[in-house]
Amino acid sequence: MRIDKFLWFTRFAGSRGLAQDWVCAGHMRLNGRRIERCSATVKLGDVLVLPMRNRVTVIEVLGIPVRRGPASEAAICFRVLESPDDKAASQCPLDAPGETPLARHQTDT
């Protein structure tokens, strides 16, 4: 299955066009290789590295979906793998709501 369809069917992307733009940006990896083509094929057992807004998600393909169904149906097609970034991100104090790396803490003067 094409990677853009897979991302759309599994609800990682809101539309197929967004999935195509996401893949063509060149930041995604399929089995450790950087991909830039929407036509790259995803098979059972493949590992995808998906750059999100504030984290990186690593998934393993467990099944090929046949349609864009409900989220519960999409969730059985992949498994989120443990990565060192998950542990580091959970310990980062800047991940708290309202905290950004560019904002300064307010002090009473």
N, C-alpha and C. Protein backbone atom coordinates (compact mmCIF):
# COMPACT_ATOMS: atom_id res chain seq x y z
N MET A 1 0.84 -1.17 0.00
CA MET A 1 0.00 0.00 0.00
C MET A 1 0.89 1.24 0.00
N ARG A 2 0.46 2.26 -0.71
CA ARG A 2 1.20 3.52 -0.74
C ARG A 2 1.23 4.15 0.65
N ILE A 3 2.34 4.80 0.97
CA ILE A 3 2.48 5.36 2.31
C ILE A 3 1.49 6.48 2.58
N ASP A 4 1.14 7.27 1.56
CA ASP A 4 0.18 8.35 1.79
C ASP A 4 -1.20 7.79 2.12
N LYS A 5 -1.60 6.72 1.46
CA LYS A 5 -2.88 6.08 1.78
C LYS A 5 -2.85 5.47 3.18
N PHE A 6 -1.72 4.85 3.53
CA PHE A 6 -1.60 4.25 4.86
C PHE A 6 -1.75 5.31 5.95
N LEU A 7 -1.07 6.44 5.80
CA LEU A 7 -1.15 7.50 6.80
C LEU A 7 -2.56 8.06 6.91
N TRP A 8 -3.25 8.15 5.79
CA TRP A 8 -4.62 8.66 5.79
C TRP A 8 -5.58 7.62 6.39
N PHE A 9 -5.46 6.37 5.97
CA PHE A 9 -6.33 5.31 6.49
C PHE A 9 -6.16 5.11 8.00
N THR A 10 -4.93 5.24 8.50
CA THR A 10 -4.68 5.03 9.93
C THR A 10 -4.85 6.30 10.74
N ARG A 11 -5.32 7.37 10.12
CA ARG A 11 -5.68 8.62 10.78
C ARG A 11 -4.50 9.39 11.35
N PHE A 12 -3.31 9.19 10.80
CA PHE A 12 -2.19 10.04 11.17
C PHE A 12 -2.27 11.36 10.42
N ALA A 13 -2.92 11.37 9.27
CA ALA A 13 -3.11 12.58 8.46
C ALA A 13 -4.60 12.80 8.25
N GLY A 14 -5.01 14.05 8.26
CA GLY A 14 -6.41 14.39 8.12
C GLY A 14 -6.97 14.20 6.73
N SER A 15 -6.11 14.28 5.72
CA SER A 15 -6.54 14.06 4.34
C SER A 15 -5.39 13.41 3.58
N ARG A 16 -5.70 12.87 2.44
CA ARG A 16 -4.64 12.23 1.66
C ARG A 16 -3.67 13.27 1.11
N GLY A 17 -4.18 14.44 0.78
CA GLY A 17 -3.32 15.53 0.32
C GLY A 17 -2.33 15.96 1.38
N LEU A 18 -2.78 16.06 2.63
CA LEU A 18 -1.87 16.39 3.72
C LEU A 18 -0.83 15.29 3.92
N ALA A 19 -1.24 14.05 3.77
CA ALA A 19 -0.31 12.94 3.89
C ALA A 19 0.76 13.01 2.80
N GLN A 20 0.36 13.36 1.59
CA GLN A 20 1.32 13.49 0.50
C GLN A 20 2.31 14.61 0.77
N ASP A 21 1.83 15.75 1.25
CA ASP A 21 2.73 16.86 1.58
C ASP A 21 3.69 16.47 2.69
N TRP A 22 3.19 15.74 3.68
CA TRP A 22 4.00 15.32 4.82
C TRP A 22 5.14 14.40 4.36
N VAL A 23 4.83 13.46 3.48
CA VAL A 23 5.85 12.53 2.98
C VAL A 23 6.85 13.27 2.10
N CYS A 24 6.36 14.13 1.23
CA CYS A 24 7.23 14.85 0.29
C CYS A 24 8.16 15.84 0.99
N ALA A 25 7.85 16.20 2.23
CA ALA A 25 8.74 17.10 2.98
C ALA A 25 10.09 16.44 3.26
N GLY A 26 10.14 15.10 3.24
CA GLY A 26 11.40 14.39 3.34
C GLY A 26 11.90 14.11 4.75
N HIS A 27 11.07 14.28 5.76
CA HIS A 27 11.51 14.04 7.13
C HIS A 27 11.11 12.67 7.66
N MET A 28 10.41 11.89 6.87
CA MET A 28 9.89 10.60 7.29
C MET A 28 10.88 9.49 6.92
N ARG A 29 10.90 8.44 7.75
CA ARG A 29 11.78 7.30 7.46
C ARG A 29 10.96 6.02 7.43
N LEU A 30 11.31 5.16 6.48
CA LEU A 30 10.69 3.85 6.32
C LEU A 30 11.80 2.82 6.43
N ASN A 31 11.77 2.02 7.49
CA ASN A 31 12.82 1.02 7.76
C ASN A 31 14.21 1.64 7.77
N GLY A 32 14.32 2.83 8.35
CA GLY A 32 15.61 3.48 8.49
C GLY A 32 16.04 4.31 7.30
N ARG A 33 15.32 4.25 6.19
CA ARG A 33 15.68 5.02 5.00
C ARG A 33 14.77 6.23 4.87
N ARG A 34 15.36 7.35 4.52
CA ARG A 34 14.59 8.58 4.30
C ARG A 34 13.77 8.42 3.02
N ILE A 35 12.51 8.80 3.08
CA ILE A 35 11.66 8.71 1.89
C ILE A 35 11.11 10.08 1.55
N GLU A 36 10.96 10.33 0.25
CA GLU A 36 10.43 11.60 -0.23
C GLU A 36 9.33 11.40 -1.26
N ARG A 37 9.01 10.13 -1.55
CA ARG A 37 7.98 9.83 -2.55
C ARG A 37 6.73 9.28 -1.89
N CYS A 38 5.59 9.79 -2.32
CA CYS A 38 4.31 9.33 -1.78
C CYS A 38 3.99 7.91 -2.21
N SER A 39 4.65 7.45 -3.24
CA SER A 39 4.37 6.13 -3.78
C SER A 39 5.18 5.03 -3.10
N ALA A 40 5.96 5.37 -2.06
CA ALA A 40 6.71 4.34 -1.35
C ALA A 40 5.74 3.32 -0.77
N THR A 41 6.11 2.05 -0.85
CA THR A 41 5.22 0.97 -0.44
C THR A 41 5.43 0.60 1.03
N VAL A 42 4.33 0.47 1.75
CA VAL A 42 4.35 0.05 3.15
C VAL A 42 3.85 -1.39 3.20
N LYS A 43 4.61 -2.26 3.91
CA LYS A 43 4.24 -3.67 4.04
C LYS A 43 4.15 -4.04 5.51
N LEU A 44 3.62 -5.22 5.79
CA LEU A 44 3.57 -5.72 7.16
C LEU A 44 4.97 -5.81 7.74
N GLY A 45 5.12 -5.37 8.98
CA GLY A 45 6.41 -5.44 9.65
C GLY A 45 7.31 -4.24 9.44
N ASP A 46 6.94 -3.33 8.55
CA ASP A 46 7.74 -2.13 8.32
C ASP A 46 7.70 -1.23 9.55
N VAL A 47 8.78 -0.47 9.74
CA VAL A 47 8.88 0.49 10.83
C VAL A 47 8.91 1.89 10.22
N LEU A 48 8.00 2.74 10.68
CA LEU A 48 7.91 4.12 10.20
C LEU A 48 8.30 5.08 11.32
N VAL A 49 9.09 6.08 10.98
CA VAL A 49 9.42 7.16 11.90
C VAL A 49 8.67 8.38 11.41
N LEU A 50 7.72 8.84 12.23
CA LEU A 50 6.83 9.93 11.84
C LEU A 50 7.13 11.18 12.67
N PRO A 51 7.60 12.26 12.05
CA PRO A 51 7.82 13.49 12.80
C PRO A 51 6.50 14.20 13.07
N MET A 52 6.21 14.40 14.33
CA MET A 52 5.00 15.12 14.72
C MET A 52 5.41 16.55 15.08
N ARG A 53 4.47 17.35 15.57
CA ARG A 53 4.79 18.74 15.90
C ARG A 53 5.85 18.87 16.98
N ASN A 54 5.71 18.16 18.09
CA ASN A 54 6.65 18.32 19.19
C ASN A 54 7.30 17.01 19.63
N ARG A 55 7.18 15.98 18.82
CA ARG A 55 7.78 14.69 19.15
C ARG A 55 7.96 13.87 17.88
N VAL A 56 8.61 12.75 18.04
CA VAL A 56 8.77 11.81 16.94
C VAL A 56 8.09 10.51 17.36
N THR A 57 7.23 9.97 16.50
CA THR A 57 6.53 8.73 16.80
C THR A 57 7.07 7.63 15.90
N VAL A 58 7.42 6.51 16.51
CA VAL A 58 7.92 5.35 15.77
C VAL A 58 6.86 4.27 15.86
N ILE A 59 6.41 3.79 14.68
CA ILE A 59 5.36 2.77 14.67
C ILE A 59 5.81 1.56 13.85
N GLU A 60 5.23 0.42 14.17
CA GLU A 60 5.42 -0.80 13.40
C GLU A 60 4.09 -1.13 12.74
N VAL A 61 4.12 -1.47 11.47
CA VAL A 61 2.90 -1.80 10.73
C VAL A 61 2.50 -3.23 11.06
N LEU A 62 1.29 -3.39 11.63
CA LEU A 62 0.79 -4.71 11.99
C LEU A 62 -0.26 -5.22 11.01
N GLY A 63 -0.85 -4.32 10.26
CA GLY A 63 -1.88 -4.71 9.30
C GLY A 63 -2.07 -3.61 8.27
N ILE A 64 -2.56 -4.00 7.12
CA ILE A 64 -2.83 -3.04 6.04
C ILE A 64 -4.34 -2.78 6.03
N PRO A 65 -4.75 -1.53 6.32
CA PRO A 65 -6.18 -1.25 6.34
C PRO A 65 -6.77 -1.26 4.93
N VAL A 66 -8.04 -1.62 4.84
CA VAL A 66 -8.70 -1.65 3.53
C VAL A 66 -9.53 -0.40 3.28
N ARG A 67 -9.75 0.39 4.35
CA ARG A 67 -10.53 1.62 4.21
C ARG A 67 -10.18 2.57 5.34
N ARG A 68 -10.64 3.80 5.24
CA ARG A 68 -10.49 4.76 6.33
C ARG A 68 -11.71 4.61 7.23
N GLY A 69 -11.57 3.80 8.24
CA GLY A 69 -12.68 3.52 9.14
C GLY A 69 -12.54 4.30 10.43
N PRO A 70 -13.24 3.86 11.46
CA PRO A 70 -13.16 4.54 12.75
C PRO A 70 -11.76 4.38 13.36
N ALA A 71 -11.47 5.23 14.34
CA ALA A 71 -10.15 5.22 14.97
C ALA A 71 -9.83 3.87 15.60
N SER A 72 -10.83 3.20 16.15
CA SER A 72 -10.59 1.90 16.77
C SER A 72 -10.13 0.87 15.73
N GLU A 73 -10.66 0.97 14.53
CA GLU A 73 -10.25 0.07 13.45
C GLU A 73 -8.85 0.42 12.96
N ALA A 74 -8.53 1.70 12.92
CA ALA A 74 -7.21 2.13 12.47
C ALA A 74 -6.13 1.75 13.48
N ALA A 75 -6.45 1.78 14.76
CA ALA A 75 -5.46 1.53 15.81
C ALA A 75 -4.93 0.10 15.80
N ILE A 76 -5.68 -0.84 15.25
CA ILE A 76 -5.19 -2.23 15.24
C ILE A 76 -4.21 -2.48 14.10
N CYS A 77 -4.00 -1.50 13.25
CA CYS A 77 -3.10 -1.67 12.10
C CYS A 77 -1.66 -1.28 12.40
N PHE A 78 -1.40 -0.71 13.58
CA PHE A 78 -0.03 -0.31 13.92
C PHE A 78 0.18 -0.44 15.42
N ARG A 79 1.47 -0.45 15.79
CA ARG A 79 1.86 -0.49 17.20
C ARG A 79 2.91 0.58 17.41
N VAL A 80 2.73 1.41 18.42
CA VAL A 80 3.72 2.44 18.74
C VAL A 80 4.87 1.77 19.47
N LEU A 81 6.08 1.96 18.97
CA LEU A 81 7.27 1.36 19.56
C LEU A 81 7.87 2.30 20.60
N GLU A 82 8.54 1.73 21.57
CA GLU A 82 9.21 2.51 22.61
C GLU A 82 10.44 3.16 22.00
N SER A 83 10.67 4.41 22.31
CA SER A 83 11.86 5.09 21.81
C SER A 83 12.46 5.92 22.93
N PRO A 84 13.77 6.19 22.88
CA PRO A 84 14.42 6.98 23.92
C PRO A 84 13.86 8.40 23.99
N ASP A 85 13.38 8.93 22.86
CA ASP A 85 12.84 10.29 22.85
C ASP A 85 11.59 10.40 23.72
N ASP A 86 10.82 9.32 23.84
CA ASP A 86 9.60 9.35 24.65
C ASP A 86 9.94 9.61 26.12
N LYS A 87 10.97 8.94 26.60
CA LYS A 87 11.35 9.11 28.00
C LYS A 87 11.92 10.50 28.24
N ALA A 88 12.74 10.99 27.34
CA ALA A 88 13.34 12.31 27.49
C ALA A 88 12.27 13.40 27.41
N ALA A 89 11.31 13.22 26.52
CA ALA A 89 10.26 14.23 26.36
C ALA A 89 9.36 14.28 27.58
N SER A 90 9.13 13.13 28.23
CA SER A 90 8.25 13.14 29.39
C SER A 90 8.91 13.81 30.59
N GLN A 91 10.24 13.91 30.61
CA GLN A 91 10.95 14.53 31.71
C GLN A 91 11.22 16.00 31.46
N CYS A 92 10.97 16.49 30.28
CA CYS A 92 11.26 17.87 29.92
C CYS A 92 10.24 18.80 30.58
N PRO A 93 10.67 19.80 31.35
CA PRO A 93 9.72 20.69 32.01
C PRO A 93 8.98 21.60 31.04
N LEU A 94 9.46 21.72 29.82
CA LEU A 94 8.82 22.61 28.85
C LEU A 94 7.61 21.99 28.20
N ASP A 95 7.33 20.72 28.48
CA ASP A 95 6.16 20.08 27.90
C ASP A 95 4.88 20.37 28.68
N ALA A 96 5.00 21.10 29.77
CA ALA A 96 3.82 21.44 30.55
C ALA A 96 2.94 22.40 29.74
N PRO A 97 1.64 22.36 29.95
CA PRO A 97 0.76 23.26 29.20
C PRO A 97 1.13 24.72 29.44
N GLY A 98 1.18 25.48 28.37
CA GLY A 98 1.49 26.90 28.47
C GLY A 98 2.96 27.21 28.48
N GLU A 99 3.80 26.21 28.52
CA GLU A 99 5.25 26.43 28.53
C GLU A 99 5.79 26.27 27.12
N THR A 100 6.59 27.21 26.70
CA THR A 100 7.24 27.12 25.41
C THR A 100 8.72 27.41 25.59
N PRO A 101 9.57 26.90 24.72
CA PRO A 101 11.00 27.12 24.89
C PRO A 101 11.39 28.59 24.72
N LEU A 102 10.57 29.38 24.05
CA LEU A 102 10.93 30.77 23.79
C LEU A 102 10.34 31.73 24.81
N ALA A 103 9.44 31.26 25.65
CA ALA A 103 8.81 32.14 26.63
C ALA A 103 9.67 32.24 27.89
N ARG A 104 9.73 33.44 28.43
CA ARG A 104 10.45 33.63 29.69
C ARG A 104 9.47 33.50 30.85
N HIS A 105 9.98 33.01 31.96
CA HIS A 105 9.14 32.92 33.14
C HIS A 105 8.89 34.33 33.66
N GLN A 106 7.66 34.59 34.06
CA GLN A 106 7.30 35.90 34.59
C GLN A 106 7.71 35.99 36.06
N THR A 107 8.27 37.11 36.43
CA THR A 107 8.64 37.35 37.82
C THR A 107 7.94 38.61 38.30
N ASP A 108 7.60 38.63 39.56
CA ASP A 108 6.99 39.81 40.14
C ASP A 108 8.08 40.83 40.44
N THR A 109 7.91 42.05 39.96
CA THR A 109 8.91 43.08 40.22
C THR A 109 8.31 44.27 40.93
